[in-house]
Structure formats: C-alpha cells, structure tokens
Amino acid sequence: MSKYKGHCDVIDKMGFWCWAINLDDPTDRPRISVVQNDIPILTVATCTATPHLRSALGLAAVSTPPLYGWHIPFPMSAGLQPDVPFSLVFESTAQPLDNGMGRRLSLIGVKDEDVLYDLSNEVFATYSYGLQGESELQVAVTLRASSDYRPVAVDFGKSLKGVQLEWRPERYVMSTHVAVARGTISAIDRDKTVVFNFERESDVARLNSNSKLRQLAVPQSLFDSARLKFPLPSADNIARVSGPLSTKHHYLVGGFTTFKQIASLVSTYGRTPLDKMTCIVDWGVGCARVARQFVEGADELNMAPIAPNSYLGYDVDPVNVEWCSRNMAAFGSYHLLSRSGFDLDKSADLLFGVSVFTHLTEADQLLWLQGIHRVVRPGGLVIVTTHG
C-alpha cells in the first residue's frame, strides 16, 4: 500500500488549503475526499506542485515534483453543512490528513433567531447547464436541505417538462434535469422564463420569499439573437471574468437570473420601482453580464427599460471598463474604480455588487461599507452577495 502524508494548513468558511504526497511515488497526485456523516461530500485531486515544502518537512530532495497542494474555495457552497463535523481523508485508503479529523465550520456570530431558523431550514440550489446544439438548453438541478427539512414541490413552468425529482433522505438531496427548448420561451411570459420554482410546506413568509430567489431564468435572447441589443463579449473575456468553464450561455442565463433576483428584491424591499430609479450603481460591472439585462431582459419582466443616464457601472478592471464604454455607451456610463471609492454627483437609489465582497479582506469590506453608506440615499437599497 502506498504511503501517503498530508496536512491541512487552513480550514475555514473561505476555503481549505492543504497539501499531500505519496512518499512511494512522488509523481502521484493523491485524491482527497471531504467526508461528512460518513458520506463523501466532494473529492478533489491535488494539483499545484509545491517543492519548497519537502525541505521544510525534512524530507529528502527528489528530482520530480515532490508535493502537491490543493484548494477548495467556499466549501459550504459545494454542499458541506455548517456545524456538522467532517474529516479530510485520502480517497484510496481513508487515511486522515494531519489536522483534518473532526473539523467543523461554525456559523459564527449569528444571534438573530429568525436568521438561525432560516439557515437551518433553507434549501441550497446548484445548477449546471449547457447548450445542446443551438435550440435546447440542458439543465441539471440539485437541491440540498437540512436533515429535518420537508420535501418541496417543484414546478417547471407552463411549457417545460422535467424528470420527477428523486428525494434521497439519507443525503437530503434532490436531483433532476430539464430540457428548455427554443419554442418554450418564445412568447413574453414570465412563467415560461423560469426553469423551475419550488414551494415548501411552511407558513414562514421569509422562507417562501427566499424560495423565489432559487429560480433559474432563461432569457429569450439565448435562442433569439435578434433580442440582443449589445455585442457579446469574446469567449476569452467571458472566461477571464467568470472562470474557464463559462461560455455564452452561462453569461446570458446567469446574467438574466441575477437581474430577475435583483428585480424581486427591489419589489419586496425597495421604496422605488426598479424602472423608476434615477441612479443605479453596478459595483463590479465586469463585461456587463447583468447590466445588459436592464435593457434586454426588462420586457420579459413587464418592466420598462432603465433610463440610460441612470446606470453607473464601476470596476477595478480597466479592460472591461473600456469594453463597456465602447459597447454599452448607449446605456449608462462606466468608470474605473480605485480605493478612494465611488465618484458620484448624486445619491444612488440602488447599489448592487455580485461576488465583490467575496474577494475582499475583512478590513477592505469595512472600508467599502463606509463608502457604500456615503453614496446611497436614505431609504435606498443595497444588494450584495457574501459567503457566511
């Protein structure tokens, strides 16, 4: 049997950073499993060569890459449950890594009883999707829930046909897939833009409201290029911003889904309708994944397009600020952002940031919160995504 050695350097809600080695075969890249409730939640292959660690551990030098490191970002988004013990082990031997047994990710600092209740009864939805030819989108949906959660009913919309969900109580997981064909979203009908919706047996309005945010929405522009009002970014730029596996359909479906979520939150918590706002700040505009939907996706939500001079996009990436200024100038203005904050000559009705706080240190988050408070008008709305 191969002799494995591994260690967990960092284990927290932001990610796992660990290393591993096969002492009998230094070229081998051991696979590591994260096990919770005796079930492998996910498995990762070590990937990054870290030769400097070998001498630090007092191991003999070899000519081949001697150690491999690996990283799992945001493990709870990959299905790991909070406040439940888990361990990191070698997949082939079940041998634990040093510092990897009986670990736990706690929801530190949560005191609000409503929040604790919501977290313990929440459903987490994971999607994967891809185009089948040019006329059909294949979508796989996985729902994860807590152990005491009651199953949900899933609605695929008026014209969509999906496979019946399989409820596996031993893993608290439901999985299904659905095909979204070109013709199913050809008409302007908000019900037909939703791949699935689910309803729970609950009298708690918060939970039912949260369920609406778990919808995946498919824009008509995915199959009808005539509905595109602006150029699409290059494939390289989409991948550079959203990751190497992201493509045109991820860009359009993800952007429209986020836009619909923002519209839902504004409808629930905002004082001013979205299409009546005079100053909207897009913090982290990127290559306009969400911004374009304020024009292209507005009519699918029976909403008037946003006035062009009311939309302000900010980003630290000069490449995408230049791309937006060149291709989206008919809708909004776009600005390079520095640590000095937002340069506004009026107060914002809405400021939203998708996957921005998740890239900042705690100290930077506090600084930006002060800047956001400065530019958003009293009664305005701030929508940001966070981990934890």
Protein backbone atom coordinates (compact mmCIF):
# COMPACT_ATOMS: atom_id res chain seq x y z
CA MET A 1 0.00 0.00 0.00
CA SER A 2 1.26 3.45 -0.86
CA LYS A 3 2.44 5.62 1.99
CA TYR A 4 0.55 8.88 2.00
CA LYS A 5 1.24 12.00 4.01
CA GLY A 6 -0.87 15.15 4.06
CA HIS A 7 -1.69 18.19 6.14
CA CYS A 8 -4.47 20.79 6.32
CA ASP A 9 -2.94 24.25 6.68
CA VAL A 10 -6.15 26.32 6.63
CA ILE A 11 -9.75 25.18 7.11
CA ASP A 12 -12.37 27.92 7.29
CA LYS A 13 -15.52 29.14 5.55
CA MET A 14 -13.50 30.93 2.88
CA GLY A 15 -11.69 27.77 1.80
CA PHE A 16 -9.44 24.80 2.51
CA TRP A 17 -5.71 25.00 1.77
CA CYS A 18 -3.89 21.69 2.16
CA TRP A 19 -1.07 19.58 0.73
CA ALA A 20 -0.48 15.85 0.19
CA ILE A 21 2.17 13.45 -1.07
CA ASN A 22 2.62 9.79 -1.96
CA LEU A 23 6.01 9.02 -0.39
CA ASP A 24 6.41 5.87 -2.52
CA ASP A 25 5.67 7.69 -5.79
CA PRO A 26 6.29 11.45 -5.69
CA THR A 27 4.74 11.87 -9.15
CA ASP A 28 1.39 10.56 -7.91
CA ARG A 29 -1.28 13.18 -7.24
CA PRO A 30 -3.36 11.82 -4.35
CA ARG A 31 -7.12 12.37 -4.32
CA ILE A 32 -8.64 13.79 -1.14
CA SER A 33 -12.25 13.31 0.00
CA VAL A 34 -14.23 15.53 2.36
CA VAL A 35 -16.44 13.17 4.40
CA GLN A 36 -19.42 14.31 6.46
CA ASN A 37 -21.97 11.97 8.09
CA ASP A 38 -19.95 9.06 6.61
CA ILE A 39 -20.71 10.36 3.10
CA PRO A 40 -18.07 11.78 0.71
CA ILE A 41 -19.38 15.28 0.01
CA LEU A 42 -16.73 16.06 -2.60
CA THR A 43 -13.39 14.75 -3.83
CA VAL A 44 -10.53 16.84 -5.16
CA ALA A 45 -7.27 15.89 -6.89
CA THR A 46 -4.12 17.61 -5.67
CA CYS A 47 -2.81 19.83 -8.42
CA THR A 48 -0.26 22.53 -7.54
CA ALA A 49 3.39 21.46 -7.21
CA THR A 50 4.95 22.90 -4.04
CA PRO A 51 8.56 21.59 -3.95
CA HIS A 52 9.67 24.00 -1.21
CA LEU A 53 7.53 22.15 1.33
CA ARG A 54 9.62 18.99 1.06
CA SER A 55 12.69 20.53 2.62
CA ALA A 56 10.54 22.31 5.20
CA LEU A 57 9.24 18.89 6.29
CA GLY A 58 12.74 17.40 6.48
CA LEU A 59 12.14 15.01 3.56
CA ALA A 60 14.86 14.03 1.12
CA ALA A 61 15.02 16.01 -2.11
CA VAL A 62 13.90 14.33 -5.33
CA SER A 63 14.08 15.41 -8.96
CA THR A 64 10.34 15.01 -9.58
CA PRO A 65 7.72 17.43 -8.18
CA PRO A 66 7.65 16.30 -4.55
CA LEU A 67 4.50 17.77 -3.02
CA TYR A 68 1.14 18.85 -4.29
CA GLY A 69 -1.16 21.46 -2.81
CA TRP A 70 -4.87 21.92 -3.34
CA HIS A 71 -7.59 24.42 -2.52
CA ILE A 72 -11.37 24.21 -2.15
CA PRO A 73 -12.94 27.70 -2.19
CA PHE A 74 -16.12 28.34 -0.19
CA PRO A 75 -16.73 24.71 0.86
CA MET A 76 -20.27 25.33 2.12
CA SER A 77 -21.30 26.34 -1.40
CA ALA A 78 -20.07 22.90 -2.52
CA GLY A 79 -22.51 21.16 -0.18
CA LEU A 80 -20.68 20.98 3.17
CA GLN A 81 -23.12 21.53 6.03
CA PRO A 82 -22.26 24.04 8.78
CA ASP A 83 -22.00 22.96 12.41
CA VAL A 84 -21.66 19.27 11.43
CA PRO A 85 -18.27 17.54 11.92
CA PHE A 86 -16.36 16.44 8.81
CA SER A 87 -12.96 14.95 8.01
CA LEU A 88 -10.47 15.12 5.14
CA VAL A 89 -9.09 11.72 4.13
CA PHE A 90 -7.18 10.10 1.27
CA GLU A 91 -9.78 8.63 -1.08
CA SER A 92 -7.94 5.34 -1.70
CA THR A 93 -7.08 4.49 1.92
CA ALA A 94 -9.46 6.56 4.08
CA GLN A 95 -6.34 7.66 5.97
CA PRO A 96 -6.92 11.10 7.51
CA LEU A 97 -4.77 14.10 6.74
CA ASP A 98 -2.95 15.70 9.65
CA ASN A 99 -5.20 18.33 11.22
CA GLY A 100 -8.10 17.03 9.10
CA MET A 101 -10.17 14.93 11.52
CA GLY A 102 -13.36 16.08 13.21
CA ARG A 103 -13.32 19.58 11.80
CA ARG A 104 -16.35 21.84 11.86
CA LEU A 105 -17.41 25.08 10.15
CA SER A 106 -19.49 27.15 12.52
CA LEU A 107 -21.91 29.94 11.73
CA ILE A 108 -20.03 32.29 14.00
CA GLY A 109 -21.74 35.40 15.32
CA VAL A 110 -25.30 34.58 14.19
CA LYS A 111 -27.58 35.58 17.06
CA ASP A 112 -30.78 36.56 15.27
CA GLU A 113 -33.28 33.75 15.87
CA ASP A 114 -35.01 34.37 12.54
CA VAL A 115 -31.70 34.07 10.69
CA LEU A 116 -30.78 30.87 12.54
CA TYR A 117 -34.20 29.40 11.70
CA ASP A 118 -33.88 30.34 8.04
CA LEU A 119 -30.40 28.84 7.79
CA SER A 120 -31.49 25.57 9.36
CA ASN A 121 -34.49 25.28 7.05
CA GLU A 122 -33.03 26.71 3.87
CA VAL A 123 -32.68 25.00 0.53
CA PHE A 124 -29.48 25.40 -1.45
CA ALA A 125 -29.83 25.05 -5.22
CA THR A 126 -26.97 24.09 -7.53
CA TYR A 127 -27.32 24.29 -11.30
CA SER A 128 -25.25 23.05 -14.18
CA TYR A 129 -26.32 23.69 -17.74
CA GLY A 130 -25.12 23.62 -21.30
CA LEU A 131 -26.39 24.10 -24.83
CA GLN A 132 -27.47 21.06 -26.83
CA GLY A 133 -26.96 22.27 -30.38
CA GLU A 134 -28.45 25.72 -30.91
CA SER A 135 -32.03 25.06 -29.88
CA GLU A 136 -32.05 23.41 -26.46
CA LEU A 137 -30.60 24.13 -23.04
CA GLN A 138 -29.99 21.10 -20.83
CA VAL A 139 -30.26 21.98 -17.13
CA ALA A 140 -29.39 19.78 -14.16
CA VAL A 141 -30.73 20.93 -10.78
CA THR A 142 -29.65 19.68 -7.34
CA LEU A 143 -31.36 20.83 -4.15
CA ARG A 144 -29.76 20.35 -0.74
CA ALA A 145 -31.63 20.80 2.51
CA SER A 146 -31.18 20.23 6.24
CA SER A 147 -31.93 16.87 7.82
CA ASP A 148 -35.29 17.90 9.26
CA TYR A 149 -36.44 19.59 6.08
CA ARG A 150 -39.73 18.59 4.46
CA PRO A 151 -39.57 17.89 0.70
CA VAL A 152 -40.52 20.59 -1.76
CA ALA A 153 -42.78 20.56 -4.78
CA VAL A 154 -41.08 21.60 -7.99
CA ASP A 155 -42.80 23.47 -10.81
CA PHE A 156 -41.06 23.67 -14.17
CA GLY A 157 -43.36 26.31 -15.62
CA LYS A 158 -46.19 26.02 -18.10
CA SER A 159 -44.31 24.57 -21.07
CA LEU A 160 -41.35 22.75 -19.54
CA LYS A 161 -41.16 19.02 -18.95
CA GLY A 162 -38.78 17.75 -16.29
CA VAL A 163 -37.87 14.43 -14.76
CA GLN A 164 -39.56 13.70 -11.45
CA LEU A 165 -37.34 14.68 -8.54
CA GLU A 166 -35.68 11.86 -6.66
CA TRP A 167 -35.68 12.53 -2.92
CA ARG A 168 -32.84 10.76 -1.13
CA PRO A 169 -33.41 11.33 2.60
CA GLU A 170 -30.12 9.76 3.61
CA ARG A 171 -28.33 12.63 1.84
CA TYR A 172 -31.08 15.25 1.95
CA VAL A 173 -30.59 15.82 -1.77
CA MET A 174 -32.97 16.04 -4.70
CA SER A 175 -31.69 15.94 -8.26
CA THR A 176 -33.38 16.38 -11.61
CA HIS A 177 -32.83 17.70 -15.09
CA VAL A 178 -34.96 19.51 -17.62
CA ALA A 179 -34.65 20.45 -21.29
CA VAL A 180 -35.51 24.04 -22.22
CA ALA A 181 -36.24 24.18 -25.94
CA ARG A 182 -36.23 27.28 -28.13
CA GLY A 183 -40.02 27.32 -28.55
CA THR A 184 -40.82 27.17 -24.83
CA ILE A 185 -39.64 30.72 -24.19
CA SER A 186 -40.59 32.34 -27.48
CA ALA A 187 -43.53 34.26 -26.01
CA ILE A 188 -43.19 37.06 -23.49
CA ASP A 189 -44.43 35.19 -20.45
CA ARG A 190 -42.61 35.46 -17.15
CA ASP A 191 -43.70 31.94 -16.15
CA LYS A 192 -42.02 30.48 -19.21
CA THR A 193 -38.69 32.09 -18.43
CA VAL A 194 -38.36 30.11 -15.21
CA VAL A 195 -36.72 26.70 -15.44
CA PHE A 196 -38.06 25.69 -12.07
CA ASN A 197 -39.66 27.04 -8.96
CA PHE A 198 -40.30 25.22 -5.72
CA GLU A 199 -42.78 25.58 -2.92
CA ARG A 200 -42.39 24.47 0.67
CA GLU A 201 -44.81 23.45 3.37
CA SER A 202 -44.17 26.49 5.51
CA ASP A 203 -46.13 29.36 6.93
CA VAL A 204 -42.97 31.47 7.27
CA ALA A 205 -43.13 34.19 4.64
CA ARG A 206 -39.35 34.68 4.69
CA LEU A 207 -38.69 31.12 3.58
CA ASN A 208 -41.24 31.25 0.79
CA SER A 209 -39.76 34.57 -0.36
CA ASN A 210 -36.28 33.04 -0.33
CA SER A 211 -37.54 30.20 -2.49
CA LYS A 212 -38.33 32.66 -5.27
CA LEU A 213 -34.65 33.61 -5.36
CA ARG A 214 -33.72 29.99 -6.15
CA GLN A 215 -35.25 30.20 -9.62
CA LEU A 216 -33.09 29.78 -12.69
CA ALA A 217 -34.29 32.04 -15.50
CA VAL A 218 -33.59 31.62 -19.22
CA PRO A 219 -33.75 34.77 -21.38
CA GLN A 220 -35.29 34.70 -24.83
CA SER A 221 -32.05 36.16 -26.18
CA LEU A 222 -30.33 32.82 -25.59
CA PHE A 223 -32.10 31.40 -28.65
CA ASP A 224 -33.07 34.62 -30.40
CA SER A 225 -30.03 36.76 -31.18
CA ALA A 226 -32.30 39.49 -32.59
CA ARG A 227 -33.19 40.33 -28.98
CA LEU A 228 -29.56 41.20 -28.19
CA LYS A 229 -29.21 44.97 -28.08
CA PHE A 230 -25.44 44.98 -27.48
CA PRO A 231 -22.47 42.90 -28.69
CA LEU A 232 -21.46 39.83 -26.74
CA PRO A 233 -18.01 39.80 -25.13
CA SER A 234 -15.42 37.47 -26.60
CA ALA A 235 -15.30 33.91 -25.26
CA ASP A 236 -11.89 34.66 -23.75
CA ASN A 237 -13.22 37.67 -21.85
CA ILE A 238 -16.24 35.77 -20.52
CA ALA A 239 -13.91 33.04 -19.28
CA ARG A 240 -11.49 35.60 -17.83
CA VAL A 241 -14.25 37.23 -15.77
CA SER A 242 -16.40 34.25 -14.80
CA GLY A 243 -14.00 31.31 -14.95
CA PRO A 244 -12.63 28.95 -17.62
CA LEU A 245 -15.81 26.87 -17.88
CA SER A 246 -18.10 29.86 -18.52
CA THR A 247 -19.46 30.36 -22.02
CA LYS A 248 -22.03 32.48 -23.83
CA HIS A 249 -24.99 30.60 -22.38
CA HIS A 250 -23.63 30.92 -18.83
CA TYR A 251 -23.16 34.64 -19.46
CA LEU A 252 -26.74 35.16 -20.69
CA VAL A 253 -28.60 32.77 -18.37
CA GLY A 254 -26.58 33.78 -15.30
CA GLY A 255 -26.98 37.47 -16.05
CA PHE A 256 -30.73 37.24 -16.58
CA THR A 257 -31.18 35.09 -13.45
CA THR A 258 -29.29 37.66 -11.35
CA PHE A 259 -31.28 40.51 -12.91
CA LYS A 260 -34.53 38.77 -12.05
CA GLN A 261 -33.35 38.20 -8.47
CA ILE A 262 -32.47 41.89 -8.13
CA ALA A 263 -35.87 42.87 -9.50
CA SER A 264 -37.58 40.56 -7.00
CA LEU A 265 -35.62 42.01 -4.07
CA VAL A 266 -36.36 45.57 -5.17
CA SER A 267 -40.05 44.71 -5.46
CA THR A 268 -40.03 43.25 -1.93
CA TYR A 269 -37.82 45.71 -0.05
CA GLY A 270 -37.42 48.83 -2.21
CA ARG A 271 -39.34 52.06 -1.91
CA THR A 272 -38.95 52.96 -5.59
CA PRO A 273 -39.81 50.64 -8.53
CA LEU A 274 -36.72 49.50 -10.40
CA ASP A 275 -37.69 51.17 -13.67
CA LYS A 276 -38.36 54.46 -11.86
CA MET A 277 -34.95 54.73 -10.22
CA THR A 278 -32.74 57.62 -11.32
CA CYS A 279 -29.38 56.30 -10.09
CA ILE A 280 -28.35 52.63 -10.10
CA VAL A 281 -24.76 51.68 -9.23
CA ASP A 282 -23.40 48.37 -10.55
CA TRP A 283 -20.40 47.64 -8.31
CA GLY A 284 -18.26 45.22 -10.31
CA VAL A 285 -19.88 45.63 -13.72
CA GLY A 286 -17.41 43.26 -15.42
CA CYS A 287 -18.34 42.68 -19.05
CA ALA A 288 -21.99 43.74 -18.49
CA ARG A 289 -23.35 40.28 -17.67
CA VAL A 290 -26.10 41.83 -15.53
CA ALA A 291 -26.06 45.39 -16.89
CA ARG A 292 -27.30 44.42 -20.35
CA GLN A 293 -30.34 42.67 -18.87
CA PHE A 294 -31.69 46.00 -17.59
CA VAL A 295 -32.40 46.64 -21.29
CA GLU A 296 -32.64 43.21 -22.96
CA GLY A 297 -34.48 41.45 -20.13
CA ALA A 298 -36.72 44.24 -18.92
CA ASP A 299 -39.70 43.46 -21.14
CA GLU A 300 -39.63 39.81 -20.05
CA LEU A 301 -40.46 41.07 -16.56
CA ASN A 302 -43.07 43.53 -17.89
CA MET A 303 -40.77 46.35 -16.86
CA ALA A 304 -39.75 49.48 -18.74
CA PRO A 305 -36.04 49.75 -19.60
CA ILE A 306 -33.90 51.82 -17.25
CA ALA A 307 -33.14 55.36 -18.43
CA PRO A 308 -29.61 55.35 -19.95
CA ASN A 309 -28.29 58.17 -17.81
CA SER A 310 -29.34 56.46 -14.58
CA TYR A 311 -26.98 53.47 -14.79
CA LEU A 312 -23.41 53.71 -13.48
CA GLY A 313 -21.05 50.76 -13.81
CA TYR A 314 -17.83 50.58 -11.75
CA ASP A 315 -14.97 48.09 -11.88
CA VAL A 316 -11.29 47.82 -10.99
CA ASP A 317 -10.61 46.07 -14.31
CA PRO A 318 -9.61 48.61 -16.99
CA VAL A 319 -10.13 46.06 -19.78
CA ASN A 320 -13.82 45.66 -19.02
CA VAL A 321 -14.41 49.33 -18.21
CA GLU A 322 -13.08 50.08 -21.70
CA TRP A 323 -15.19 47.26 -23.22
CA CYS A 324 -18.39 48.52 -21.56
CA SER A 325 -17.63 52.14 -22.53
CA ARG A 326 -17.13 51.08 -26.14
CA ASN A 327 -20.02 48.62 -26.49
CA MET A 328 -22.58 49.76 -23.89
CA ALA A 329 -22.30 53.55 -24.17
CA ALA A 330 -25.93 53.79 -25.27
CA PHE A 331 -26.87 52.51 -21.84
CA GLY A 332 -25.11 54.05 -18.88
CA SER A 333 -21.59 55.23 -18.10
CA TYR A 334 -18.67 53.14 -16.88
CA HIS A 335 -15.85 54.11 -14.57
CA LEU A 336 -12.58 52.70 -13.27
CA LEU A 337 -12.78 52.21 -9.53
CA SER A 338 -9.98 52.87 -7.07
CA ARG A 339 -9.69 52.53 -3.30
CA SER A 340 -10.85 56.13 -2.98
CA GLY A 341 -14.39 54.87 -3.64
CA PHE A 342 -17.32 55.86 -5.83
CA ASP A 343 -17.22 59.24 -7.55
CA LEU A 344 -20.91 60.20 -7.71
CA ASP A 345 -22.55 63.58 -8.20
CA LYS A 346 -25.90 62.23 -6.92
CA SER A 347 -27.13 59.69 -4.38
CA ALA A 348 -27.90 56.15 -5.52
CA ASP A 349 -31.37 54.60 -5.31
CA LEU A 350 -29.82 51.14 -5.67
CA LEU A 351 -26.29 49.78 -5.36
CA PHE A 352 -25.66 46.11 -6.08
CA GLY A 353 -22.49 44.04 -6.07
CA VAL A 354 -22.41 40.40 -7.17
CA SER A 355 -19.34 38.46 -5.97
CA VAL A 356 -17.38 41.55 -4.90
CA PHE A 357 -17.30 41.28 -1.12
CA THR A 358 -16.23 37.66 -1.55
CA HIS A 359 -12.88 38.87 -2.95
CA LEU A 360 -12.13 41.38 -0.19
CA THR A 361 -10.41 41.10 3.17
CA GLU A 362 -12.44 41.93 6.26
CA ALA A 363 -10.67 45.28 6.62
CA ASP A 364 -11.45 46.21 3.00
CA GLN A 365 -15.05 45.12 3.43
CA LEU A 366 -15.46 47.55 6.32
CA LEU A 367 -13.94 50.38 4.27
CA TRP A 368 -16.24 49.73 1.33
CA LEU A 369 -19.28 49.51 3.59
CA GLN A 370 -18.48 53.04 4.73
CA GLY A 371 -18.19 54.15 1.09
CA ILE A 372 -21.49 52.50 0.19
CA HIS A 373 -23.22 54.17 3.12
CA ARG A 374 -21.91 57.51 1.88
CA VAL A 375 -23.30 57.26 -1.67
CA VAL A 376 -26.67 55.52 -1.16
CA ARG A 377 -29.53 57.87 -0.35
CA PRO A 378 -31.61 57.44 2.83
CA GLY A 379 -34.19 54.76 2.06
CA GLY A 380 -32.10 53.43 -0.83
CA LEU A 381 -31.36 49.75 -1.31
CA VAL A 382 -28.06 47.85 -1.19
CA ILE A 383 -27.90 44.28 -2.56
CA VAL A 384 -24.61 42.41 -2.19
CA THR A 385 -23.61 38.76 -2.11
CA THR A 386 -21.47 37.31 0.67
CA HIS A 387 -20.24 33.96 1.94
CA GLY A 388 -21.26 33.50 5.56
